[in-house]
C-alpha atoms as a PDB file:
ATOM      1  CA  MET A   1      84.287  94.989 116.463  1.00  0.00           C
ATOM      2  CA  ILE A   2      82.905  94.930 112.933  1.00  0.00           C
ATOM      3  CA  HIS A   3      81.342  98.081 111.548  1.00  0.00           C
ATOM      4  CA  CYS A   4      79.433  98.015 108.290  1.00  0.00           C
ATOM      5  CA  ALA A   5      77.987 101.194 106.906  1.00  0.00           C
ATOM      6  CA  GLY A   6      74.755 100.594 105.058  1.00  0.00           C
ATOM      7  CA  GLU A   7      73.535 102.462 102.066  1.00  0.00           C
ATOM      8  CA  VAL A   8      70.323 104.427 102.325  1.00  0.00           C
ATOM      9  CA  ASP A   9      68.382 105.024  99.162  1.00  0.00           C
ATOM     10  CA  ILE A  10      64.904 106.515  99.282  1.00  0.00           C
ATOM     11  CA  ALA A  11      64.325 106.055  95.542  1.00  0.00           C
ATOM     12  CA  GLN A  12      61.622 103.750  94.254  1.00  0.00           C
ATOM     13  CA  GLY A  13      62.466 100.582  92.356  1.00  0.00           C
ATOM     14  CA  TYR A  14      65.195  98.037  92.938  1.00  0.00           C
ATOM     15  CA  SER A  15      68.938  98.445  93.405  1.00  0.00           C
ATOM     16  CA  LEU A  16      71.225  95.444  93.608  1.00  0.00           C
ATOM     17  CA  ASN A  17      73.801  97.498  95.521  1.00  0.00           C
ATOM     18  CA  VAL A  18      71.314  98.639  98.176  1.00  0.00           C
ATOM     19  CA  TYR A  19      70.083  95.037  98.569  1.00  0.00           C
ATOM     20  CA  ALA A  20      73.629  93.679  98.814  1.00  0.00           C
ATOM     21  CA  VAL A  21      74.753  96.248 101.376  1.00  0.00           C
ATOM     22  CA  ASN A  22      71.698  95.860 103.583  1.00  0.00           C
ATOM     23  CA  VAL A  23      70.570  92.241 103.213  1.00  0.00           C
ATOM     24  CA  THR A  24      73.596  90.248 102.071  1.00  0.00           C
ATOM     25  CA  SER A  25      75.927  92.105 104.437  1.00  0.00           C
ATOM     26  CA  THR A  26      73.534  91.524 107.351  1.00  0.00           C
ATOM     27  CA  LYS A  27      73.557  87.806 106.560  1.00  0.00           C
ATOM     28  CA  ASN A  28      77.367  87.743 106.303  1.00  0.00           C
ATOM     29  CA  VAL A  29      77.883  89.673 109.547  1.00  0.00           C
ATOM     30  CA  SER A  30      75.295  87.515 111.335  1.00  0.00           C
ATOM     31  CA  GLU A  31      77.122  84.375 110.197  1.00  0.00           C
ATOM     32  CA  ALA A  32      80.466  85.772 111.398  1.00  0.00           C
ATOM     33  CA  CYS A  33      79.038  86.795 114.784  1.00  0.00           C
ATOM     34  CA  LEU A  34      77.470  83.377 115.262  1.00  0.00           C
ATOM     35  CA  LYS A  35      80.709  81.626 114.280  1.00  0.00           C
ATOM     36  CA  HIS A  36      82.822  83.726 116.681  1.00  0.00           C
ATOM     37  CA  ASN A  37      80.236  83.921 119.479  1.00  0.00           C
ATOM     38  CA  ALA A  38      80.094  87.710 119.132  1.00  0.00           C
ATOM     39  CA  LYS A  39      77.110  89.899 119.956  1.00  0.00           C
ATOM     40  CA  LEU A  40      75.439  91.679 117.061  1.00  0.00           C
ATOM     41  CA  VAL A  41      73.719  95.037 117.322  1.00  0.00           C
ATOM     42  CA  TYR A  42      71.752  95.456 114.109  1.00  0.00           C
ATOM     43  CA  ILE A  43      70.345  98.889 113.288  1.00  0.00           C
ATOM     44  CA  SER A  44      67.244  98.447 111.198  1.00  0.00           C
ATOM     45  CA  SER A  45      64.616 101.116 110.629  1.00  0.00           C
ATOM     46  CA  VAL A  46      61.140 101.920 111.834  1.00  0.00           C
ATOM     47  CA  HIS A  47      60.250 101.774 108.132  1.00  0.00           C
ATOM     48  CA  ALA A  48      60.800  97.994 108.180  1.00  0.00           C
ATOM     49  CA  MET A  49      57.697  97.644 110.322  1.00  0.00           C
ATOM     50  CA  GLN A  50      54.245  97.173 108.853  1.00  0.00           C
ATOM     51  CA  PRO A  51      52.197 100.351 109.261  1.00  0.00           C
ATOM     52  CA  ALA A  52      49.640 100.146 112.056  1.00  0.00           C
ATOM     53  CA  VAL A  53      46.068  99.929 110.816  1.00  0.00           C
ATOM     54  CA  GLU A  54      44.163 101.335 113.795  1.00  0.00           C
ATOM     55  CA  SER A  55      46.670 102.671 116.251  1.00  0.00           C
ATOM     56  CA  ASN A  56      47.844 106.014 117.522  1.00  0.00           C
ATOM     57  CA  GLY A  57      51.428 104.832 117.524  1.00  0.00           C
ATOM     58  CA  ILE A  58      53.725 102.081 116.384  1.00  0.00           C
ATOM     59  CA  ASP A  59      53.547  98.726 118.078  1.00  0.00           C
ATOM     60  CA  PRO A  60      56.641  96.518 118.333  1.00  0.00           C
ATOM     61  CA  ALA A  61      57.026  94.385 115.232  1.00  0.00           C
ATOM     62  CA  LYS A  62      56.221  90.703 115.526  1.00  0.00           C
ATOM     63  CA  GLU A  63      57.279  90.010 111.965  1.00  0.00           C
ATOM     64  CA  TYR A  64      58.812  91.799 109.000  1.00  0.00           C
ATOM     65  CA  ASN A  65      57.387  91.516 105.504  1.00  0.00           C
ATOM     66  CA  PRO A  66      58.940  93.438 102.604  1.00  0.00           C
ATOM     67  CA  ASP A  67      55.634  93.139 100.730  1.00  0.00           C
ATOM     68  CA  THR A  68      53.756  95.240 103.308  1.00  0.00           C
ATOM     69  CA  VAL A  69      56.083  98.254 103.352  1.00  0.00           C
ATOM     70  CA  ILE A  70      56.616 100.938 100.744  1.00  0.00           C
ATOM     71  CA  GLY A  71      59.904 101.971  99.149  1.00  0.00           C
ATOM     72  CA  LEU A  72      63.277 100.379  98.536  1.00  0.00           C
ATOM     73  CA  HIS A  73      64.772 101.403 101.887  1.00  0.00           C
ATOM     74  CA  ALA A  74      61.830  99.945 103.821  1.00  0.00           C
ATOM     75  CA  LYS A  75      61.825  96.724 101.794  1.00  0.00           C
ATOM     76  CA  VAL A  76      65.537  95.962 102.213  1.00  0.00           C
ATOM     77  CA  LYS A  77      65.413  96.832 105.921  1.00  0.00           C
ATOM     78  CA  ALA A  78      62.372  94.565 106.366  1.00  0.00           C
ATOM     79  CA  ARG A  79      64.202  91.720 104.590  1.00  0.00           C
ATOM     80  CA  ALA A  80      67.380  92.263 106.619  1.00  0.00           C
ATOM     81  CA  SER A  81      65.263  92.404 109.782  1.00  0.00           C
ATOM     82  CA  GLN A  82      64.068  88.876 108.913  1.00  0.00           C
ATOM     83  CA  VAL A  83      67.673  87.665 108.710  1.00  0.00           C
ATOM     84  CA  VAL A  84      68.712  88.572 112.259  1.00  0.00           C
ATOM     85  CA  PRO A  85      65.936  86.679 114.139  1.00  0.00           C
ATOM     86  CA  ALA A  86      66.537  83.685 111.872  1.00  0.00           C
ATOM     87  CA  PHE A  87      70.148  83.573 113.074  1.00  0.00           C
ATOM     88  CA  CYS A  88      68.994  84.117 116.676  1.00  0.00           C
ATOM     89  CA  SER A  89      67.019  80.893 116.403  1.00  0.00           C
ATOM     90  CA  HIS A  90      70.406  79.216 115.801  1.00  0.00           C
ATOM     91  CA  GLY A  91      72.057  80.837 118.821  1.00  0.00           C
ATOM     92  CA  LEU A  92      73.089  84.315 117.657  1.00  0.00           C
ATOM     93  CA  ASN A  93      73.096  86.874 120.481  1.00  0.00           C
ATOM     94  CA  ALA A  94      71.651  89.955 118.794  1.00  0.00           C
ATOM     95  CA  THR A  95      69.804  93.166 119.478  1.00  0.00           C
ATOM     96  CA  LEU A  96      67.705  94.731 116.739  1.00  0.00           C
ATOM     97  CA  ILE A  97      67.221  98.499 116.965  1.00  0.00           C
ATOM     98  CA  GLN A  98      64.674 100.409 114.877  1.00  0.00           C
ATOM     99  CA  PRO A  99      65.304 104.164 114.982  1.00  0.00           C
ATOM    100  CA  SER A 100      62.765 106.482 113.461  1.00  0.00           C
ATOM    101  CA  GLY A 101      65.381 108.710 111.874  1.00  0.00           C
ATOM    102  CA  LEU A 102      69.098 109.015 111.314  1.00  0.00           C
ATOM    103  CA  ILE A 103      71.221 111.845 110.058  1.00  0.00           C
ATOM    104  CA  GLY A 104      74.917 111.902 109.377  1.00  0.00           C
ATOM    105  CA  PRO A 105      77.760 113.213 107.256  1.00  0.00           C
ATOM    106  CA  ASN A 106      76.910 114.164 103.674  1.00  0.00           C
ATOM    107  CA  ASP A 107      73.160 114.148 104.336  1.00  0.00           C
ATOM    108  CA  TYR A 108      72.443 117.175 102.199  1.00  0.00           C
ATOM    109  CA  THR A 109      69.308 115.970 100.450  1.00  0.00           C
ATOM    110  CA  ASN A 110      65.765 116.786 101.467  1.00  0.00           C
ATOM    111  CA  THR A 111      65.160 113.788 103.710  1.00  0.00           C
ATOM    112  CA  ASN A 112      62.693 113.979 106.571  1.00  0.00           C
ATOM    113  CA  MET A 113      65.500 114.344 109.122  1.00  0.00           C
ATOM    114  CA  SER A 114      67.484 116.980 107.223  1.00  0.00           C
ATOM    115  CA  GLU A 115      64.299 119.015 106.712  1.00  0.00           C
ATOM    116  CA  PHE A 116      63.493 118.639 110.420  1.00  0.00           C
ATOM    117  CA  PHE A 117      66.869 120.084 111.436  1.00  0.00           C
END
């Protein structure tokens, strides 16, 4: 089992480290899983999905476009969420999960989830 902890950054702008951890690592892990015939469970984010225009909820994503989402976290998750299906088209066995919120150790900032709790 391979476990890669991503980096969450809700700041605006661009961060090479956040891109590398989320996008490049997803590509590398996808390649390794495909090579070794391992199943991948990729945890994306609901923020990677394009906002619904006229809906009372969120419909399942049919595509991911970093240009249609707002913020660094959403953009890198949208880009990484493009990587996984691309590898699936080459035989990768993967599941893509899009939680609406995560909270964990050292989450002491005023994120939506920490404020909720």
